[in-house]
Amino acid sequence: MNSWRICCVAAVVALVLAPACGRYFPTSFRPVHEQVEGMTVNDDGSITYDLERLAITLRPMTDEELNRLVSPSGNVEVNPYTFGELTKPGENWTPSRFTVFRLEVANYQFPKVRIDPDVSQITASNRRQYDPLSFAELYEYYRAHWVGRTGQGRTDFRTRTDVLNRTMFSSNFIFSGTDADGYIVFPRLDDDVTQIDVDLNDIAVRFDYADEPVEQIDLTFRFGRDILRGNTLADAVKDN
């Protein structure tokens, strides 16, 4: 009898708690107040590191911004960084496909600078780590989603990979007096991740005669977000 009562109580508690917990809806990343030395938090949600006349700025991108900036023709369904406006039946919320940052570099200090986005990394406060996705990996990702090798599937594949090729941050030299910008793409982060360090590693600022780096720096940009809970996005926003 006691066991039966315990099971009944547990079932009731589960039913009561389930609606309260609901689903997880992460908000957009924003800079946290505590940054490492040399970092400046900007009004647009970006963080800038200044080394005399070298400025390196990192900004988390929202899906809305990516749809607007990367899909100027208005066809967000072939945006390679988002799910566009795709929703499941009965839903009014589109989850993120990836975690995307915009990297901007203004070099007016060194003869040339090089940043390789493929050696960057995200480390979450709960110790989860995420490596960036290269162009080759994203190319294969979309090729696996190819609906047929002719027709509309082929056209969408080419559109997405062309956009990636044009907009992802390149590891080419950034020569003195020039600027560079582009996107760094990470997998979608787990819902329990609230604070992250984005590490840009091995930034080469001086080279020898063979263009091998002789001076490198590592930078850490810190961001945070809230995780809203509710059965729907509207409920999560209202309850939080």
C-alpha atoms as a PDB file:
ATOM      1  CA  MET A   1       0.000   0.000   0.000  1.00  0.00           C
ATOM      2  CA  ASN A   2       2.792   2.418   0.894  1.00  0.00           C
ATOM      3  CA  SER A   3       4.537   1.761  -2.404  1.00  0.00           C
ATOM      4  CA  TRP A   4       1.296   2.383  -4.286  1.00  0.00           C
ATOM      5  CA  ARG A   5       0.818   5.728  -2.495  1.00  0.00           C
ATOM      6  CA  ILE A   6       4.382   6.760  -3.258  1.00  0.00           C
ATOM      7  CA  CYS A   7       3.874   6.017  -6.937  1.00  0.00           C
ATOM      8  CA  CYS A   8       0.653   8.053  -6.990  1.00  0.00           C
ATOM      9  CA  VAL A   9       2.320  11.019  -5.313  1.00  0.00           C
ATOM     10  CA  ALA A  10       5.243  10.852  -7.735  1.00  0.00           C
ATOM     11  CA  ALA A  11       2.861  10.806 -10.696  1.00  0.00           C
ATOM     12  CA  VAL A  12       0.960  13.818  -9.405  1.00  0.00           C
ATOM     13  CA  VAL A  13       4.183  15.747  -8.792  1.00  0.00           C
ATOM     14  CA  ALA A  14       5.374  14.950 -12.313  1.00  0.00           C
ATOM     15  CA  LEU A  15       2.109  16.223 -13.796  1.00  0.00           C
ATOM     16  CA  VAL A  16       2.310  19.423 -11.768  1.00  0.00           C
ATOM     17  CA  LEU A  17       5.932  20.116 -12.574  1.00  0.00           C
ATOM     18  CA  ALA A  18       5.850  19.260 -16.290  1.00  0.00           C
ATOM     19  CA  PRO A  19       3.893  22.371 -17.378  1.00  0.00           C
ATOM     20  CA  ALA A  20       6.024  24.543 -15.096  1.00  0.00           C
ATOM     21  CA  CYS A  21       9.228  23.333 -16.667  1.00  0.00           C
ATOM     22  CA  GLY A  22       8.051  23.134 -20.272  1.00  0.00           C
ATOM     23  CA  ARG A  23      10.538  23.625 -23.084  1.00  0.00           C
ATOM     24  CA  TYR A  24      13.707  25.663 -23.300  1.00  0.00           C
ATOM     25  CA  PHE A  25      13.926  28.872 -25.335  1.00  0.00           C
ATOM     26  CA  PRO A  26      17.426  30.433 -25.329  1.00  0.00           C
ATOM     27  CA  THR A  27      17.657  34.202 -25.727  1.00  0.00           C
ATOM     28  CA  SER A  28      20.325  35.886 -27.865  1.00  0.00           C
ATOM     29  CA  PHE A  29      23.879  36.132 -26.563  1.00  0.00           C
ATOM     30  CA  ARG A  30      25.026  39.471 -25.137  1.00  0.00           C
ATOM     31  CA  PRO A  31      28.406  40.539 -23.724  1.00  0.00           C
ATOM     32  CA  VAL A  32      28.774  39.923 -20.001  1.00  0.00           C
ATOM     33  CA  HIS A  33      29.976  42.698 -17.731  1.00  0.00           C
ATOM     34  CA  GLU A  34      33.266  41.015 -16.825  1.00  0.00           C
ATOM     35  CA  GLN A  35      35.668  41.004 -19.771  1.00  0.00           C
ATOM     36  CA  VAL A  36      39.378  40.344 -19.891  1.00  0.00           C
ATOM     37  CA  GLU A  37      41.764  43.283 -19.969  1.00  0.00           C
ATOM     38  CA  GLY A  38      41.803  45.261 -23.203  1.00  0.00           C
ATOM     39  CA  MET A  39      38.212  44.446 -24.171  1.00  0.00           C
ATOM     40  CA  THR A  40      35.541  47.095 -24.768  1.00  0.00           C
ATOM     41  CA  VAL A  41      31.820  46.315 -24.839  1.00  0.00           C
ATOM     42  CA  ASN A  42      29.997  48.264 -27.559  1.00  0.00           C
ATOM     43  CA  ASP A  43      26.392  49.455 -27.713  1.00  0.00           C
ATOM     44  CA  ASP A  44      25.543  47.071 -30.581  1.00  0.00           C
ATOM     45  CA  GLY A  45      26.343  43.999 -28.467  1.00  0.00           C
ATOM     46  CA  SER A  46      29.832  43.478 -29.881  1.00  0.00           C
ATOM     47  CA  ILE A  47      33.163  43.356 -28.062  1.00  0.00           C
ATOM     48  CA  THR A  48      36.315  45.012 -29.421  1.00  0.00           C
ATOM     49  CA  TYR A  49      39.941  44.347 -28.591  1.00  0.00           C
ATOM     50  CA  ASP A  50      42.301  47.210 -29.425  1.00  0.00           C
ATOM     51  CA  LEU A  51      46.045  46.744 -29.789  1.00  0.00           C
ATOM     52  CA  GLU A  52      47.143  50.246 -30.686  1.00  0.00           C
ATOM     53  CA  ARG A  53      45.723  50.596 -34.229  1.00  0.00           C
ATOM     54  CA  LEU A  54      44.629  46.983 -34.612  1.00  0.00           C
ATOM     55  CA  ALA A  55      40.943  46.470 -33.752  1.00  0.00           C
ATOM     56  CA  ILE A  56      39.344  43.019 -33.549  1.00  0.00           C
ATOM     57  CA  THR A  57      35.585  42.954 -32.985  1.00  0.00           C
ATOM     58  CA  LEU A  58      33.346  39.958 -32.338  1.00  0.00           C
ATOM     59  CA  ARG A  59      29.546  40.095 -32.319  1.00  0.00           C
ATOM     60  CA  PRO A  60      26.961  37.322 -31.840  1.00  0.00           C
ATOM     61  CA  MET A  61      24.404  37.275 -34.640  1.00  0.00           C
ATOM     62  CA  THR A  62      20.683  36.627 -34.267  1.00  0.00           C
ATOM     63  CA  ASP A  63      18.768  34.595 -36.830  1.00  0.00           C
ATOM     64  CA  GLU A  64      16.706  37.680 -37.668  1.00  0.00           C
ATOM     65  CA  GLU A  65      19.863  39.628 -38.502  1.00  0.00           C
ATOM     66  CA  LEU A  66      21.294  36.774 -40.544  1.00  0.00           C
ATOM     67  CA  ASN A  67      18.085  36.397 -42.514  1.00  0.00           C
ATOM     68  CA  ARG A  68      18.085  40.110 -43.273  1.00  0.00           C
ATOM     69  CA  LEU A  69      21.780  40.525 -44.070  1.00  0.00           C
ATOM     70  CA  VAL A  70      22.511  37.259 -45.868  1.00  0.00           C
ATOM     71  CA  SER A  71      19.196  37.016 -47.721  1.00  0.00           C
ATOM     72  CA  PRO A  72      18.804  40.468 -49.328  1.00  0.00           C
ATOM     73  CA  SER A  73      16.610  38.926 -52.034  1.00  0.00           C
ATOM     74  CA  GLY A  74      14.140  37.937 -49.347  1.00  0.00           C
ATOM     75  CA  ASN A  75      14.438  34.173 -49.896  1.00  0.00           C
ATOM     76  CA  VAL A  76      15.365  33.219 -46.334  1.00  0.00           C
ATOM     77  CA  GLU A  77      14.635  29.547 -46.976  1.00  0.00           C
ATOM     78  CA  VAL A  78      18.065  29.106 -48.603  1.00  0.00           C
ATOM     79  CA  ASN A  79      19.974  31.073 -45.959  1.00  0.00           C
ATOM     80  CA  PRO A  80      22.846  28.724 -45.021  1.00  0.00           C
ATOM     81  CA  TYR A  81      23.082  30.038 -41.438  1.00  0.00           C
ATOM     82  CA  THR A  82      19.444  29.627 -40.340  1.00  0.00           C
ATOM     83  CA  PHE A  83      16.302  27.570 -40.852  1.00  0.00           C
ATOM     84  CA  GLY A  84      14.727  30.632 -42.439  1.00  0.00           C
ATOM     85  CA  GLU A  85      11.116  30.859 -41.305  1.00  0.00           C
ATOM     86  CA  LEU A  86      10.593  27.118 -41.129  1.00  0.00           C
ATOM     87  CA  THR A  87       8.327  26.008 -38.257  1.00  0.00           C
ATOM     88  CA  LYS A  88       6.889  22.662 -37.254  1.00  0.00           C
ATOM     89  CA  PRO A  89       3.138  22.157 -37.600  1.00  0.00           C
ATOM     90  CA  GLY A  90       1.399  23.927 -34.726  1.00  0.00           C
ATOM     91  CA  GLU A  91       4.534  25.904 -33.787  1.00  0.00           C
ATOM     92  CA  ASN A  92       5.272  29.603 -34.166  1.00  0.00           C
ATOM     93  CA  TRP A  93       8.955  29.429 -33.224  1.00  0.00           C
ATOM     94  CA  THR A  94      11.961  28.618 -35.395  1.00  0.00           C
ATOM     95  CA  PRO A  95      15.007  27.163 -33.586  1.00  0.00           C
ATOM     96  CA  SER A  96      18.533  28.196 -34.458  1.00  0.00           C
ATOM     97  CA  ARG A  97      20.456  26.032 -36.898  1.00  0.00           C
ATOM     98  CA  PHE A  98      23.928  27.191 -35.816  1.00  0.00           C
ATOM     99  CA  THR A  99      25.674  29.630 -33.453  1.00  0.00           C
ATOM    100  CA  VAL A 100      27.133  32.429 -35.573  1.00  0.00           C
ATOM    101  CA  PHE A 101      29.490  35.303 -34.790  1.00  0.00           C
ATOM    102  CA  ARG A 102      30.580  38.152 -37.013  1.00  0.00           C
ATOM    103  CA  LEU A 103      34.321  38.884 -36.841  1.00  0.00           C
ATOM    104  CA  GLU A 104      35.609  42.268 -37.994  1.00  0.00           C
ATOM    105  CA  VAL A 105      39.275  43.232 -38.182  1.00  0.00           C
ATOM    106  CA  ALA A 106      40.719  46.684 -38.893  1.00  0.00           C
ATOM    107  CA  ASN A 107      44.500  46.522 -39.276  1.00  0.00           C
ATOM    108  CA  TYR A 108      46.265  49.877 -39.259  1.00  0.00           C
ATOM    109  CA  GLN A 109      49.132  48.730 -37.059  1.00  0.00           C
ATOM    110  CA  PHE A 110      51.013  45.731 -38.502  1.00  0.00           C
ATOM    111  CA  PRO A 111      52.312  44.977 -42.008  1.00  0.00           C
ATOM    112  CA  LYS A 112      49.925  42.020 -42.030  1.00  0.00           C
ATOM    113  CA  VAL A 113      47.750  39.997 -39.692  1.00  0.00           C
ATOM    114  CA  ARG A 114      46.204  36.550 -40.023  1.00  0.00           C
ATOM    115  CA  ILE A 115      43.345  34.968 -38.046  1.00  0.00           C
ATOM    116  CA  ASP A 116      42.415  31.363 -38.697  1.00  0.00           C
ATOM    117  CA  PRO A 117      38.773  30.855 -37.615  1.00  0.00           C
ATOM    118  CA  ASP A 118      39.221  27.077 -37.658  1.00  0.00           C
ATOM    119  CA  VAL A 119      41.370  27.204 -34.490  1.00  0.00           C
ATOM    120  CA  SER A 120      38.803  29.177 -32.507  1.00  0.00           C
ATOM    121  CA  GLN A 121      36.734  27.515 -29.789  1.00  0.00           C
ATOM    122  CA  ILE A 122      33.757  28.047 -27.503  1.00  0.00           C
ATOM    123  CA  THR A 123      34.052  26.977 -23.870  1.00  0.00           C
ATOM    124  CA  ALA A 124      30.861  27.092 -21.799  1.00  0.00           C
ATOM    125  CA  SER A 125      30.714  27.788 -18.083  1.00  0.00           C
ATOM    126  CA  ASN A 126      29.580  24.177 -17.566  1.00  0.00           C
ATOM    127  CA  ARG A 127      32.790  23.061 -19.343  1.00  0.00           C
ATOM    128  CA  ARG A 128      31.191  22.007 -22.591  1.00  0.00           C
ATOM    129  CA  GLN A 129      33.401  22.817 -25.585  1.00  0.00           C
ATOM    130  CA  TYR A 130      32.448  23.482 -29.185  1.00  0.00           C
ATOM    131  CA  ASP A 131      34.718  23.613 -32.213  1.00  0.00           C
ATOM    132  CA  PRO A 132      33.959  25.783 -35.255  1.00  0.00           C
ATOM    133  CA  LEU A 133      32.524  24.409 -38.465  1.00  0.00           C
ATOM    134  CA  SER A 134      34.735  24.903 -41.507  1.00  0.00           C
ATOM    135  CA  PHE A 135      33.487  25.662 -45.010  1.00  0.00           C
ATOM    136  CA  ALA A 136      34.282  22.057 -45.993  1.00  0.00           C
ATOM    137  CA  GLU A 137      32.180  20.693 -43.117  1.00  0.00           C
ATOM    138  CA  LEU A 138      29.244  22.956 -43.954  1.00  0.00           C
ATOM    139  CA  TYR A 139      29.568  22.031 -47.620  1.00  0.00           C
ATOM    140  CA  GLU A 140      29.237  18.349 -46.724  1.00  0.00           C
ATOM    141  CA  TYR A 141      26.400  19.124 -44.305  1.00  0.00           C
ATOM    142  CA  TYR A 142      24.325  20.709 -47.057  1.00  0.00           C
ATOM    143  CA  ARG A 143      25.302  18.124 -49.620  1.00  0.00           C
ATOM    144  CA  ALA A 144      23.872  15.492 -47.266  1.00  0.00           C
ATOM    145  CA  HIS A 145      20.618  17.481 -47.244  1.00  0.00           C
ATOM    146  CA  TRP A 146      20.564  17.682 -51.012  1.00  0.00           C
ATOM    147  CA  VAL A 147      17.109  16.745 -52.316  1.00  0.00           C
ATOM    148  CA  GLY A 148      18.092  15.111 -55.579  1.00  0.00           C
ATOM    149  CA  ARG A 149      21.089  15.987 -57.726  1.00  0.00           C
ATOM    150  CA  THR A 150      19.118  18.011 -60.241  1.00  0.00           C
ATOM    151  CA  GLY A 151      16.369  20.574 -60.145  1.00  0.00           C
ATOM    152  CA  GLN A 152      15.568  22.778 -57.159  1.00  0.00           C
ATOM    153  CA  GLY A 153      17.661  20.765 -54.694  1.00  0.00           C
ATOM    154  CA  ARG A 154      20.787  21.382 -56.730  1.00  0.00           C
ATOM    155  CA  THR A 155      19.983  25.098 -57.095  1.00  0.00           C
ATOM    156  CA  ASP A 156      19.426  25.537 -53.346  1.00  0.00           C
ATOM    157  CA  PHE A 157      22.664  23.690 -52.598  1.00  0.00           C
ATOM    158  CA  ARG A 158      24.657  25.959 -54.885  1.00  0.00           C
ATOM    159  CA  THR A 159      22.996  29.068 -53.469  1.00  0.00           C
ATOM    160  CA  ARG A 160      23.821  28.111 -49.891  1.00  0.00           C
ATOM    161  CA  THR A 161      27.431  27.152 -50.594  1.00  0.00           C
ATOM    162  CA  ASP A 162      27.996  30.292 -52.663  1.00  0.00           C
ATOM    163  CA  VAL A 163      26.772  32.417 -49.747  1.00  0.00           C
ATOM    164  CA  LEU A 164      29.015  30.540 -47.340  1.00  0.00           C
ATOM    165  CA  ASN A 165      32.021  31.008 -49.601  1.00  0.00           C
ATOM    166  CA  ARG A 166      31.404  34.752 -49.812  1.00  0.00           C
ATOM    167  CA  THR A 167      30.536  35.482 -46.184  1.00  0.00           C
ATOM    168  CA  MET A 168      32.536  33.155 -43.928  1.00  0.00           C
ATOM    169  CA  PHE A 169      35.639  34.719 -42.392  1.00  0.00           C
ATOM    170  CA  SER A 170      38.755  33.911 -44.399  1.00  0.00           C
ATOM    171  CA  SER A 171      42.198  33.102 -43.009  1.00  0.00           C
ATOM    172  CA  ASN A 172      43.872  35.224 -45.690  1.00  0.00           C
ATOM    173  CA  PHE A 173      46.367  37.925 -44.742  1.00  0.00           C
ATOM    174  CA  ILE A 174      44.892  41.243 -43.645  1.00  0.00           C
ATOM    175  CA  PHE A 175      47.443  43.766 -44.825  1.00  0.00           C
ATOM    176  CA  SER A 176      48.180  47.130 -43.272  1.00  0.00           C
ATOM    177  CA  GLY A 177      45.506  49.734 -43.973  1.00  0.00           C
ATOM    178  CA  THR A 178      42.785  47.194 -44.803  1.00  0.00           C
ATOM    179  CA  ASP A 179      39.717  45.739 -43.112  1.00  0.00           C
ATOM    180  CA  ALA A 180      38.202  42.259 -43.185  1.00  0.00           C
ATOM    181  CA  ASP A 181      34.983  40.750 -41.893  1.00  0.00           C
ATOM    182  CA  GLY A 182      33.024  37.516 -42.051  1.00  0.00           C
ATOM    183  CA  TYR A 183      31.172  34.901 -40.052  1.00  0.00           C
ATOM    184  CA  ILE A 184      32.487  32.172 -37.770  1.00  0.00           C
ATOM    185  CA  VAL A 185      30.060  29.266 -37.427  1.00  0.00           C
ATOM    186  CA  PHE A 186      29.696  26.920 -34.461  1.00  0.00           C
ATOM    187  CA  PRO A 187      27.190  24.126 -33.831  1.00  0.00           C
ATOM    188  CA  ARG A 188      23.964  25.049 -32.063  1.00  0.00           C
ATOM    189  CA  LEU A 189      24.817  25.158 -28.363  1.00  0.00           C
ATOM    190  CA  ASP A 190      23.066  22.958 -25.834  1.00  0.00           C
ATOM    191  CA  ASP A 191      20.124  24.458 -23.997  1.00  0.00           C
ATOM    192  CA  ASP A 192      21.898  24.331 -20.626  1.00  0.00           C
ATOM    193  CA  VAL A 193      24.648  26.699 -21.837  1.00  0.00           C
ATOM    194  CA  THR A 194      24.223  30.207 -20.421  1.00  0.00           C
ATOM    195  CA  GLN A 195      27.729  31.728 -20.386  1.00  0.00           C
ATOM    196  CA  ILE A 196      30.526  31.178 -22.890  1.00  0.00           C
ATOM    197  CA  ASP A 197      34.089  32.191 -23.669  1.00  0.00           C
ATOM    198  CA  VAL A 198      34.818  32.538 -27.377  1.00  0.00           C
ATOM    199  CA  ASP A 199      38.549  32.034 -27.903  1.00  0.00           C
ATOM    200  CA  LEU A 200      40.330  33.301 -30.995  1.00  0.00           C
ATOM    201  CA  ASN A 201      43.646  31.478 -30.857  1.00  0.00           C
ATOM    202  CA  ASP A 202      47.019  31.954 -32.549  1.00  0.00           C
ATOM    203  CA  ILE A 203      46.309  35.370 -34.071  1.00  0.00           C
ATOM    204  CA  ALA A 204      49.497  36.046 -36.022  1.00  0.00           C
ATOM    205  CA  VAL A 205      50.668  39.684 -35.965  1.00  0.00           C
ATOM    206  CA  ARG A 206      54.337  39.329 -36.972  1.00  0.00           C
ATOM    207  CA  PHE A 207      55.978  37.007 -39.494  1.00  0.00           C
ATOM    208  CA  ASP A 208      59.435  35.984 -40.627  1.00  0.00           C
ATOM    209  CA  TYR A 209      60.786  36.101 -44.191  1.00  0.00           C
ATOM    210  CA  ALA A 210      58.935  32.852 -45.028  1.00  0.00           C
ATOM    211  CA  ASP A 211      55.597  34.198 -43.709  1.00  0.00           C
ATOM    212  CA  GLU A 212      55.763  31.938 -40.676  1.00  0.00           C
ATOM    213  CA  PRO A 213      54.340  33.559 -37.503  1.00  0.00           C
ATOM    214  CA  VAL A 214      56.879  34.783 -34.967  1.00  0.00           C
ATOM    215  CA  GLU A 215      54.424  36.648 -32.719  1.00  0.00           C
ATOM    216  CA  GLN A 216      50.905  35.489 -31.891  1.00  0.00           C
ATOM    217  CA  ILE A 217      48.173  36.505 -29.457  1.00  0.00           C
ATOM    218  CA  ASP A 218      45.123  34.727 -28.023  1.00  0.00           C
ATOM    219  CA  LEU A 219      41.882  36.574 -27.283  1.00  0.00           C
ATOM    220  CA  THR A 220      38.841  35.652 -25.189  1.00  0.00           C
ATOM    221  CA  PHE A 221      35.415  37.268 -25.651  1.00  0.00           C
ATOM    222  CA  ARG A 222      32.763  36.567 -23.008  1.00  0.00           C
ATOM    223  CA  PHE A 223      29.026  36.371 -23.654  1.00  0.00           C
ATOM    224  CA  GLY A 224      25.930  35.221 -21.790  1.00  0.00           C
ATOM    225  CA  ARG A 225      22.272  34.474 -22.387  1.00  0.00           C
ATOM    226  CA  ASP A 226      19.128  33.528 -20.496  1.00  0.00           C
ATOM    227  CA  ILE A 227      17.200  30.297 -20.935  1.00  0.00           C
ATOM    228  CA  LEU A 228      13.436  30.849 -20.831  1.00  0.00           C
ATOM    229  CA  ARG A 229      11.115  27.973 -19.996  1.00  0.00           C
ATOM    230  CA  GLY A 230       7.530  27.413 -21.038  1.00  0.00           C
ATOM    231  CA  ASN A 231       5.271  25.248 -23.138  1.00  0.00           C
ATOM    232  CA  THR A 232       5.375  27.864 -25.925  1.00  0.00           C
ATOM    233  CA  LEU A 233       7.631  30.811 -26.677  1.00  0.00           C
ATOM    234  CA  ALA A 234       4.839  33.220 -25.705  1.00  0.00           C
ATOM    235  CA  ASP A 235       4.423  31.467 -22.354  1.00  0.00           C
ATOM    236  CA  ALA A 236       8.176  31.507 -21.737  1.00  0.00           C
ATOM    237  CA  VAL A 237       8.428  35.247 -22.426  1.00  0.00           C
ATOM    238  CA  LYS A 238       5.373  35.994 -20.266  1.00  0.00           C
ATOM    239  CA  ASP A 239       6.507  33.851 -17.326  1.00  0.00           C
ATOM    240  CA  ASN A 240      10.067  35.149 -17.336  1.00  0.00           C
END
